[in-house]
Protein backbone atom coordinates (compact mmCIF):
# COMPACT_ATOMS: atom_id res chain seq x y z
CA MET A 1 1.01 25.11 -5.32
CA SER A 2 3.90 26.80 -3.58
CA ALA A 3 6.50 24.09 -4.19
CA ARG A 4 7.28 21.23 -6.52
CA LEU A 5 6.72 17.68 -5.34
CA THR A 6 10.44 17.14 -4.78
CA GLU A 7 10.71 20.10 -2.39
CA ARG A 8 9.56 19.44 1.16
CA ALA A 9 9.26 21.82 4.08
CA PRO A 10 11.67 21.17 6.97
CA ASP A 11 8.88 20.28 9.40
CA GLU A 12 7.70 17.57 7.02
CA ALA A 13 11.04 15.75 6.96
CA ASP A 14 10.37 13.97 10.24
CA GLU A 15 7.03 12.79 8.87
CA ARG A 16 8.63 11.04 5.93
CA PRO A 17 7.82 7.33 6.30
CA PRO A 18 10.40 4.57 6.28
CA ARG A 19 10.73 2.80 2.96
CA SER A 20 8.84 -0.16 4.47
CA GLY A 21 5.57 1.70 4.15
CA LEU A 22 3.28 4.58 5.05
CA LEU A 23 1.52 3.04 8.05
CA ARG A 24 3.76 4.97 10.49
CA HIS A 25 3.14 8.28 8.71
CA HIS A 26 0.81 10.20 11.08
CA ASP A 27 -0.69 12.64 8.59
CA PHE A 28 -1.17 10.06 5.85
CA ARG A 29 -2.93 7.73 8.31
CA LEU A 30 -5.40 10.47 9.19
CA LEU A 31 -5.95 11.45 5.54
CA TRP A 32 -6.39 7.77 4.70
CA LEU A 33 -8.92 7.22 7.49
CA GLY A 34 -10.76 10.44 6.69
CA GLU A 35 -11.02 9.64 2.98
CA THR A 36 -12.11 6.07 3.75
CA THR A 37 -14.89 7.05 6.14
CA ASN A 38 -16.07 9.68 3.65
CA ARG A 39 -16.26 6.92 1.02
CA VAL A 40 -18.09 4.61 3.43
CA GLY A 41 -20.68 7.34 3.90
CA ILE A 42 -21.03 7.91 0.17
CA ASN A 43 -21.49 4.18 -0.47
CA ILE A 44 -24.06 3.79 2.31
CA THR A 45 -25.92 6.71 0.75
CA GLY A 46 -25.67 5.05 -2.66
CA VAL A 47 -27.59 2.02 -1.34
CA ALA A 48 -29.89 3.70 1.17
CA MET A 49 -31.24 6.42 -1.13
CA PRO A 50 -32.48 4.01 -3.87
CA LEU A 51 -33.92 1.76 -1.14
CA VAL A 52 -35.83 4.73 0.28
CA ALA A 53 -37.12 5.46 -3.23
CA VAL A 54 -38.09 1.84 -3.99
CA VAL A 55 -39.38 0.69 -0.59
CA THR A 56 -40.75 3.89 1.01
CA LEU A 57 -41.90 5.86 -2.05
CA ASP A 58 -42.49 2.93 -4.50
CA ALA A 59 -40.51 4.77 -7.20
CA SER A 60 -40.31 3.51 -10.80
CA THR A 61 -37.12 2.23 -12.47
CA LEU A 62 -36.71 5.56 -14.28
CA TRP A 63 -37.00 7.57 -11.02
CA VAL A 64 -34.47 5.32 -9.32
CA SER A 65 -32.09 5.85 -12.26
CA ALA A 66 -32.58 9.62 -12.02
CA LEU A 67 -31.74 9.43 -8.31
CA ALA A 68 -28.57 7.48 -9.15
CA ALA A 69 -27.62 10.14 -11.72
CA ALA A 70 -28.20 13.18 -9.48
CA PRO A 71 -24.99 12.95 -7.36
CA TRP A 72 -22.86 12.89 -10.51
CA LEU A 73 -24.54 15.74 -12.38
CA PRO A 74 -22.49 18.41 -10.51
CA TRP A 75 -19.35 17.16 -12.27
CA LEU A 76 -20.84 18.46 -15.51
CA LEU A 77 -22.08 21.69 -13.93
CA ILE A 78 -19.07 22.84 -11.87
CA GLY A 79 -16.32 20.24 -12.32
CA LEU A 80 -14.03 22.43 -14.45
CA PRO A 81 -14.27 25.65 -12.41
CA ALA A 82 -13.97 23.56 -9.22
CA GLY A 83 -10.55 22.36 -10.41
CA ALA A 84 -9.41 25.94 -10.99
CA TRP A 85 -10.72 27.03 -7.57
CA VAL A 86 -8.96 24.13 -5.83
CA ASP A 87 -5.67 25.16 -7.47
CA ARG A 88 -6.12 28.64 -5.93
CA MET A 89 -7.09 27.62 -2.37
CA ARG A 90 -5.98 25.44 0.52
CA ARG A 91 -7.54 22.03 0.19
CA ARG A 92 -8.11 20.90 3.78
CA PRO A 93 -10.73 23.59 4.61
CA ILE A 94 -12.59 22.66 1.40
CA MET A 95 -12.64 19.00 2.45
CA LEU A 96 -13.95 19.89 5.91
CA ILE A 97 -16.89 21.82 4.45
CA CYS A 98 -17.58 18.92 2.11
CA ASN A 99 -18.05 16.63 5.13
CA VAL A 100 -20.36 18.99 7.02
CA VAL A 101 -22.80 19.45 4.10
CA PRO A 102 -23.84 15.77 3.71
CA LEU A 103 -23.89 15.35 7.50
CA VAL A 104 -26.70 17.92 7.72
CA LEU A 105 -28.58 17.00 4.55
CA LEU A 106 -28.74 13.26 5.18
CA ALA A 107 -30.25 13.89 8.61
CA SER A 108 -33.09 15.81 6.91
CA VAL A 109 -34.34 12.67 5.10
CA PRO A 110 -35.45 10.63 8.15
CA LEU A 111 -36.83 13.83 9.71
CA ALA A 112 -39.07 14.32 6.66
CA GLY A 113 -39.97 10.64 6.78
CA TRP A 114 -41.05 10.86 10.44
CA LEU A 115 -43.16 13.92 9.61
CA GLY A 116 -44.73 12.15 6.63
CA VAL A 117 -43.60 14.77 4.09
CA LEU A 118 -40.76 12.91 2.35
CA THR A 119 -40.89 13.16 -1.47
CA MET A 120 -38.77 12.19 -4.47
CA THR A 121 -38.09 15.90 -4.95
CA GLN A 122 -36.34 16.07 -1.57
CA LEU A 123 -34.34 12.90 -2.28
CA LEU A 124 -33.19 14.31 -5.63
CA ALA A 125 -32.25 17.65 -4.01
CA VAL A 126 -30.23 15.94 -1.25
CA ALA A 127 -28.47 13.72 -3.79
CA LEU A 128 -27.67 16.71 -6.02
CA ILE A 129 -26.28 18.96 -3.26
CA ASN A 130 -24.24 16.09 -1.81
CA GLY A 131 -22.89 15.64 -5.32
CA PHE A 132 -21.55 19.22 -5.30
CA ALA A 133 -19.74 18.46 -2.04
CA ALA A 134 -18.33 15.24 -3.51
CA VAL A 135 -16.90 17.16 -6.51
CA PHE A 136 -14.82 19.47 -4.31
CA PHE A 137 -13.79 16.68 -1.92
CA GLY A 138 -12.76 14.37 -4.78
CA ILE A 139 -10.56 16.96 -6.47
CA SER A 140 -9.13 18.36 -3.24
CA TYR A 141 -7.88 15.13 -1.68
CA LYS A 142 -6.09 14.08 -4.90
CA VAL A 143 -4.27 17.42 -5.01
CA TYR A 144 -3.69 17.43 -1.23
CA LEU A 145 -2.06 13.97 -1.22
CA PRO A 146 1.28 15.02 -2.82
CA SER A 147 1.73 17.63 -0.08
CA ILE A 148 1.45 14.85 2.54
CA VAL A 149 3.74 12.19 1.00
CA GLY A 150 6.77 12.34 -1.29
CA PRO A 151 6.67 11.38 -4.99
CA GLU A 152 8.43 8.08 -4.30
CA ASP A 153 5.51 7.07 -2.03
CA LEU A 154 2.63 8.07 -4.32
CA GLN A 155 2.22 4.58 -5.82
CA GLU A 156 1.86 3.04 -2.35
CA ALA A 157 -0.38 5.86 -1.13
CA ASN A 158 -2.73 5.49 -4.10
CA ALA A 159 -2.81 1.71 -3.70
CA LYS A 160 -3.79 2.09 -0.04
CA LEU A 161 -6.45 4.69 -0.88
CA GLN A 162 -7.87 2.52 -3.67
CA GLY A 163 -7.82 -0.54 -1.40
CA SER A 164 -9.63 1.28 1.37
CA GLU A 165 -12.10 2.59 -1.19
CA SER A 166 -12.93 -1.02 -2.04
CA VAL A 167 -13.23 -1.83 1.68
CA ALA A 168 -15.49 1.21 1.95
CA GLN A 169 -17.66 -0.25 -0.80
CA VAL A 170 -18.01 -3.52 1.11
CA ALA A 171 -18.75 -1.71 4.38
CA GLY A 172 -20.89 0.97 2.76
CA LEU A 173 -22.94 -1.13 0.35
CA GLY A 174 -23.38 -3.98 2.82
CA GLY A 175 -23.88 -1.61 5.72
CA GLY A 176 -26.44 0.37 3.76
CA GLY A 177 -28.57 -2.74 3.37
CA LEU A 178 -28.19 -3.67 7.04
CA LEU A 179 -29.02 -0.16 8.23
CA ALA A 180 -32.12 -0.16 6.05
CA GLN A 181 -33.12 -3.53 7.48
CA ALA A 182 -32.42 -2.55 11.11
CA PHE A 183 -33.72 1.03 11.21
CA GLY A 184 -35.71 1.45 8.01
CA ALA A 185 -34.33 2.81 4.74
CA ALA A 186 -34.82 6.48 5.68
CA SER A 187 -33.71 6.24 9.32
CA GLY A 188 -30.52 4.44 8.31
CA LEU A 189 -29.35 7.68 6.70
CA LEU A 190 -29.23 9.34 10.12
CA VAL A 191 -26.70 6.74 11.30
CA ASN A 192 -24.84 7.21 8.03
CA SER A 193 -24.30 10.92 8.72
CA VAL A 194 -21.86 9.97 11.52
CA THR A 195 -19.31 8.77 8.93
CA PHE A 196 -18.94 12.32 7.62
CA LEU A 197 -18.36 13.60 11.16
CA VAL A 198 -15.54 11.06 11.64
CA SER A 199 -13.99 12.13 8.33
CA ALA A 200 -14.02 15.79 9.38
CA LEU A 201 -12.39 15.01 12.74
CA CYS A 202 -9.59 13.07 11.01
CA LEU A 203 -8.81 16.02 8.76
CA LEU A 204 -8.68 18.34 11.76
CA GLY A 205 -6.03 16.08 13.32
CA ILE A 206 -3.50 16.44 10.49
CA ARG A 207 -0.43 18.22 11.87
CA SER A 208 1.44 19.53 8.84
CA LYS A 209 0.53 23.03 7.75
CA GLU A 210 -0.63 23.20 4.15
CA PRO A 211 1.22 25.87 2.17
CA LEU A 212 -0.73 28.49 0.30
CA PRO A 213 -1.05 27.74 -3.44
CA GLU A 214 1.29 29.67 -5.68
CA LYS A 215 -0.29 32.86 -6.98
CA PRO A 216 0.12 33.74 -10.68
CA GLU A 217 2.26 36.74 -11.57
CA ARG A 218 -0.79 38.53 -12.92
CA HIS A 219 -4.49 38.13 -12.37
CA ARG A 220 -5.97 35.50 -14.66
CA ALA A 221 -9.60 34.99 -15.53
CA LEU A 222 -11.10 31.71 -14.35
CA ARG A 223 -11.83 30.65 -17.92
CA GLN A 224 -8.12 30.96 -18.78
CA ASP A 225 -7.20 28.60 -15.96
CA ILE A 226 -9.90 26.16 -17.08
CA LYS A 227 -8.72 26.33 -20.70
CA GLU A 228 -5.12 25.69 -19.66
CA GLY A 229 -6.10 22.53 -17.76
CA LEU A 230 -8.27 21.26 -20.62
CA ASN A 231 -5.61 21.90 -23.25
CA TYR A 232 -2.95 20.08 -21.24
CA THR A 233 -5.23 17.10 -20.60
CA PHE A 234 -6.53 16.53 -24.09
CA LYS A 235 -3.36 17.37 -26.03
CA ASP A 236 -1.20 15.01 -24.02
CA PRO A 237 -1.27 11.55 -25.71
CA TYR A 238 -1.24 9.60 -22.43
CA LEU A 239 -3.79 11.67 -20.53
CA ARG A 240 -6.05 11.77 -23.59
CA VAL A 241 -6.31 8.01 -24.12
CA LEU A 242 -6.64 7.26 -20.40
CA THR A 243 -9.45 9.81 -20.13
CA LEU A 244 -11.24 8.31 -23.15
CA TYR A 245 -11.04 4.82 -21.65
CA GLY A 246 -12.25 6.03 -18.24
CA THR A 247 -15.20 7.90 -19.75
CA ALA A 248 -16.40 4.95 -21.82
CA THR A 249 -15.98 2.53 -18.90
CA ASN A 250 -17.83 4.80 -16.46
CA LEU A 251 -20.71 5.32 -18.90
CA LEU A 252 -21.33 1.58 -19.18
CA LEU A 253 -20.51 0.71 -15.54
CA THR A 254 -22.97 3.22 -14.14
CA ALA A 255 -25.69 2.27 -16.62
CA GLU A 256 -25.30 -1.30 -15.35
CA ALA A 257 -25.09 -0.22 -11.70
CA ALA A 258 -28.23 1.94 -11.99
CA ILE A 259 -30.49 -1.00 -12.88
CA LEU A 260 -28.68 -3.73 -10.92
CA PRO A 261 -30.44 -3.03 -7.54
CA VAL A 262 -33.83 -3.11 -9.30
CA PHE A 263 -32.83 -6.35 -11.08
CA ILE A 264 -31.70 -7.98 -7.81
CA ILE A 265 -34.78 -6.94 -5.79
CA ARG A 266 -37.55 -7.34 -8.37
CA GLU A 267 -36.35 -10.12 -10.70
CA LEU A 268 -34.23 -12.20 -8.32
CA GLY A 269 -36.38 -11.56 -5.24
CA VAL A 270 -33.40 -10.83 -2.94
CA PRO A 271 -34.40 -9.06 0.35
CA GLU A 272 -33.21 -5.54 1.15
CA GLY A 273 -30.54 -6.49 3.70
CA ALA A 274 -28.94 -9.07 1.40
CA THR A 275 -29.06 -6.72 -1.61
CA GLY A 276 -26.41 -4.43 -0.13
CA TRP A 277 -24.06 -7.35 0.54
CA LEU A 278 -24.64 -8.76 -2.94
CA LEU A 279 -23.80 -5.36 -4.47
CA ALA A 280 -20.75 -5.20 -2.21
CA SER A 281 -19.40 -8.46 -3.63
CA SER A 282 -17.66 -6.51 -6.40
CA SER A 283 -15.48 -4.85 -3.78
CA ILE A 284 -13.77 -8.15 -3.01
CA GLY A 285 -12.06 -7.82 -6.38
CA GLY A 286 -11.26 -4.19 -5.64
CA ILE A 287 -9.45 -5.09 -2.42
CA LEU A 288 -7.47 -7.78 -4.26
CA GLY A 289 -6.63 -5.29 -7.01
CA ALA A 290 -5.25 -2.73 -4.55
CA THR A 291 -3.12 -5.31 -2.73
CA THR A 292 -1.68 -6.81 -5.93
CA ALA A 293 -1.04 -3.57 -7.84
CA LYS A 294 2.59 -3.29 -6.72
CA ARG A 295 3.39 -6.86 -7.79
CA LEU A 296 1.61 -6.42 -11.12
CA ILE A 297 3.62 -3.28 -11.89
CA ALA A 298 6.89 -4.97 -10.88
CA ARG A 299 6.12 -7.95 -13.13
CA PHE A 300 4.79 -6.20 -16.24
CA GLY A 301 5.54 -2.47 -15.80
CA SER A 302 2.91 0.22 -15.27
CA ALA A 303 1.82 0.58 -18.92
CA ARG A 304 1.72 -3.14 -19.72
CA GLY A 305 0.25 -3.91 -16.31
CA LEU A 306 -2.60 -1.53 -17.06
CA LEU A 307 -3.30 -3.32 -20.36
CA VAL A 308 -3.07 -6.80 -18.82
CA ALA A 309 -5.36 -5.91 -15.91
CA THR A 310 -8.11 -4.36 -18.01
CA ILE A 311 -8.09 -6.72 -21.01
CA ALA A 312 -8.03 -9.85 -18.81
CA SER A 313 -10.78 -8.74 -16.40
CA ALA A 314 -13.35 -6.90 -18.55
CA PRO A 315 -14.89 -9.99 -20.29
CA PHE A 316 -15.96 -11.37 -16.89
CA ALA A 317 -18.71 -8.71 -16.91
CA LEU A 318 -20.63 -11.05 -19.23
CA LEU A 319 -21.28 -13.36 -16.27
CA ILE A 320 -23.59 -10.80 -14.63
CA PRO A 321 -26.67 -11.20 -16.90
CA LEU A 322 -26.39 -15.01 -16.53
CA THR A 323 -27.58 -14.68 -12.91
CA ARG A 324 -30.76 -16.52 -11.92
CA THR A 325 -32.42 -17.33 -8.62
CA ASP A 326 -30.55 -20.65 -8.30
CA TRP A 327 -26.84 -21.44 -7.89
CA THR A 328 -26.04 -19.13 -10.84
CA LEU A 329 -26.39 -16.23 -8.39
CA SER A 330 -22.65 -16.80 -7.93
CA ALA A 331 -22.14 -15.59 -11.52
CA LEU A 332 -23.04 -12.08 -10.39
CA VAL A 333 -20.53 -12.24 -7.53
CA VAL A 334 -17.68 -13.57 -9.69
CA GLY A 335 -18.37 -11.28 -12.65
CA SER A 336 -18.67 -8.16 -10.50
CA ALA A 337 -15.58 -9.02 -8.42
CA VAL A 338 -13.25 -9.68 -11.37
CA LEU A 339 -14.50 -6.60 -13.20
CA SER A 340 -13.81 -4.53 -10.07
CA LEU A 341 -10.33 -6.08 -9.82
CA GLY A 342 -9.38 -4.66 -13.21
CA VAL A 343 -10.97 -1.27 -12.55
CA VAL A 344 -9.13 -0.77 -9.24
CA LEU A 345 -5.78 -1.87 -10.70
CA ALA A 346 -6.28 0.67 -13.48
CA ASN A 347 -7.22 3.39 -10.96
CA VAL A 348 -4.10 2.78 -8.83
CA ILE A 349 -1.80 2.98 -11.86
CA GLN A 350 -3.50 6.03 -13.34
CA GLY A 351 -3.72 7.94 -10.05
CA ALA A 352 -0.01 7.66 -9.27
CA PHE A 353 0.85 8.40 -12.90
CA ARG A 354 -1.05 11.71 -12.97
CA GLN A 355 0.31 12.88 -9.61
CA ARG A 356 3.92 12.35 -10.75
CA TYR A 357 3.53 13.24 -14.42
CA CYS A 358 1.51 16.47 -14.26
CA PRO A 359 2.96 19.88 -13.29
CA PRO A 360 1.99 20.54 -9.63
CA GLN A 361 0.50 23.96 -10.34
CA LEU A 362 -1.87 22.34 -12.90
CA LEU A 363 -2.75 19.19 -10.98
CA GLY A 364 -6.12 20.42 -9.71
CA ARG A 365 -7.24 21.54 -13.16
CA ILE A 366 -5.98 18.39 -14.87
CA SER A 367 -7.65 16.21 -12.21
CA ALA A 368 -10.87 18.19 -12.72
CA SER A 369 -10.67 17.86 -16.52
CA VAL A 370 -10.21 14.10 -16.29
CA SER A 371 -12.90 13.78 -13.62
CA VAL A 372 -15.42 15.88 -15.56
CA ALA A 373 -15.00 13.59 -18.55
CA ASN A 374 -15.05 10.40 -16.47
CA PHE A 375 -17.66 11.33 -13.87
CA GLY A 376 -19.66 13.50 -16.25
CA ALA A 377 -20.50 10.30 -18.12
CA ILE A 378 -22.08 8.84 -14.98
CA PRO A 379 -25.45 10.71 -14.99
CA PHE A 380 -25.82 9.90 -18.68
CA GLY A 381 -24.97 6.28 -17.91
CA SER A 382 -27.50 6.12 -15.08
CA LEU A 383 -30.24 7.58 -17.24
CA LEU A 384 -29.21 5.33 -20.13
CA GLY A 385 -29.59 2.30 -17.89
CA GLY A 386 -33.04 3.43 -16.78
CA ILE A 387 -34.23 4.18 -20.32
CA LEU A 388 -32.90 0.92 -21.78
CA GLY A 389 -34.14 -1.07 -18.78
CA THR A 390 -37.64 0.35 -19.23
CA ALA A 391 -37.66 -0.12 -23.03
CA LEU A 392 -35.88 -3.48 -23.40
CA GLY A 393 -36.25 -5.11 -19.99
CA LEU A 394 -33.63 -5.49 -17.28
CA ARG A 395 -31.85 -8.68 -18.39
CA PRO A 396 -31.50 -7.74 -22.12
CA THR A 397 -30.13 -4.35 -21.05
CA LEU A 398 -27.55 -6.03 -18.81
CA TRP A 399 -26.41 -8.18 -21.76
CA LEU A 400 -25.99 -5.09 -23.95
CA LEU A 401 -24.07 -3.09 -21.32
CA THR A 402 -21.74 -5.89 -20.21
CA ALA A 403 -20.85 -6.67 -23.84
CA GLY A 404 -19.75 -3.04 -24.17
CA LEU A 405 -17.71 -3.29 -20.96
CA ALA A 406 -15.89 -6.35 -22.31
CA LEU A 407 -14.67 -4.26 -25.27
CA THR A 408 -13.69 -0.95 -23.59
CA PRO A 409 -10.04 -1.94 -22.82
CA LEU A 410 -9.40 -1.98 -26.57
CA LEU A 411 -9.53 1.83 -26.43
CA LEU A 412 -6.19 1.78 -24.57
CA LEU A 413 -4.52 0.28 -27.65
CA ILE A 414 -5.08 3.42 -29.76
CA GLY A 415 -2.50 5.46 -27.80
CA PRO A 416 1.20 5.11 -27.03
CA LEU A 417 0.68 2.73 -24.07
CA ARG A 418 0.97 -0.40 -26.23
CA ARG A 419 4.56 0.49 -27.15
CA ARG A 420 5.82 1.01 -23.58
CA ARG A 421 6.58 -1.14 -20.57
CA ASP A 422 6.19 1.77 -18.11
CA LEU A 423 4.29 5.03 -18.15
CA PRO A 424 6.55 8.12 -18.22
CA VAL A 425 7.22 10.13 -15.08
CA ALA A 426 7.38 13.48 -16.91
CA PRO A 427 6.10 14.87 -20.21
CA ALA A 428 8.40 14.80 -23.22
CA THR A 429 10.22 18.09 -23.83
CA PRO A 430 8.55 19.97 -26.73
């Protein structure tokens, strides 16, 4: 990056928001809306694609799990070099391309369905290629954000982005079910492609000119840049323990999420349209987490707040396998919502921490290193859910996975967080 976070170009000074909030910040509003609509599209896809597999192609539990894993596999394949590339390039053009790709590919699914040639192979290919786009978009917007807002506004910006991500889950997961019910599972994806068009238009409307990233004094091999980001991430005591916690949590969360739609449809007998809304119930907790993050941090501090949020919420996951077809269906809603509350609070705190704590010129590579560890666990988690669900049955597998989720916050106690009220804003001087 061409400047540190504390240095702002003269034309950005007028865009600085009042201390009352970021809602009057033109460029942040557009970035916020663009990121939110992109997430809505991703979440609609996350519901619609498995529904196409289950309803249209009568896919098995293992195939549905493989389809859930496919969008996350690119994090393992290109996540680390993607971080190094993002540090070398402007981020907004990358994000624009990453909206155009899913727009085109999602439209191909209903076309194949109308022609009678839709296969699981095509669904897996679309999910995989969209996953590559999601890798670059996910890294780019996190690195792009500090060039839009000042460091003192990063906590609020991340809270708003996390909150809208939870809203996007409600709209996307619920909307995915409704679109499948209204237009058919495959045809609903054509409507979904519009969300990526809206996201691209929002990015085009951002006024501030993004500076060119800072070029190194001498040419460096890509592997050296990757190694530098990895070393910084896994040698730093705070980044290391937060990455370990995120990886373990994602592994178990996605294993549970991979079999939950099958459990709801086949064991509980919930119709397609209601399935999306039931899956979206977890986002209620996410919205609450984003809106209460500031108060939690003020009351406990960022480090203690992170521990309180995760340790208090994780055991509620054990309510999910209690769900039956009677009134206990509410156990799934409550368990998912409270679990999501803790996850979103942790994401808000960690996101702002990394953006302030990490050197700007390394932020893309550090974000990629963390994301590869966290998101790279997701395809393994999805496949793990499918394998265990096939071998043990759906309900016993849910008991096993939610018990693990209840214990994952204990990983945060092995690092320096337990001795601090607040996370540091800069690394300790060697």
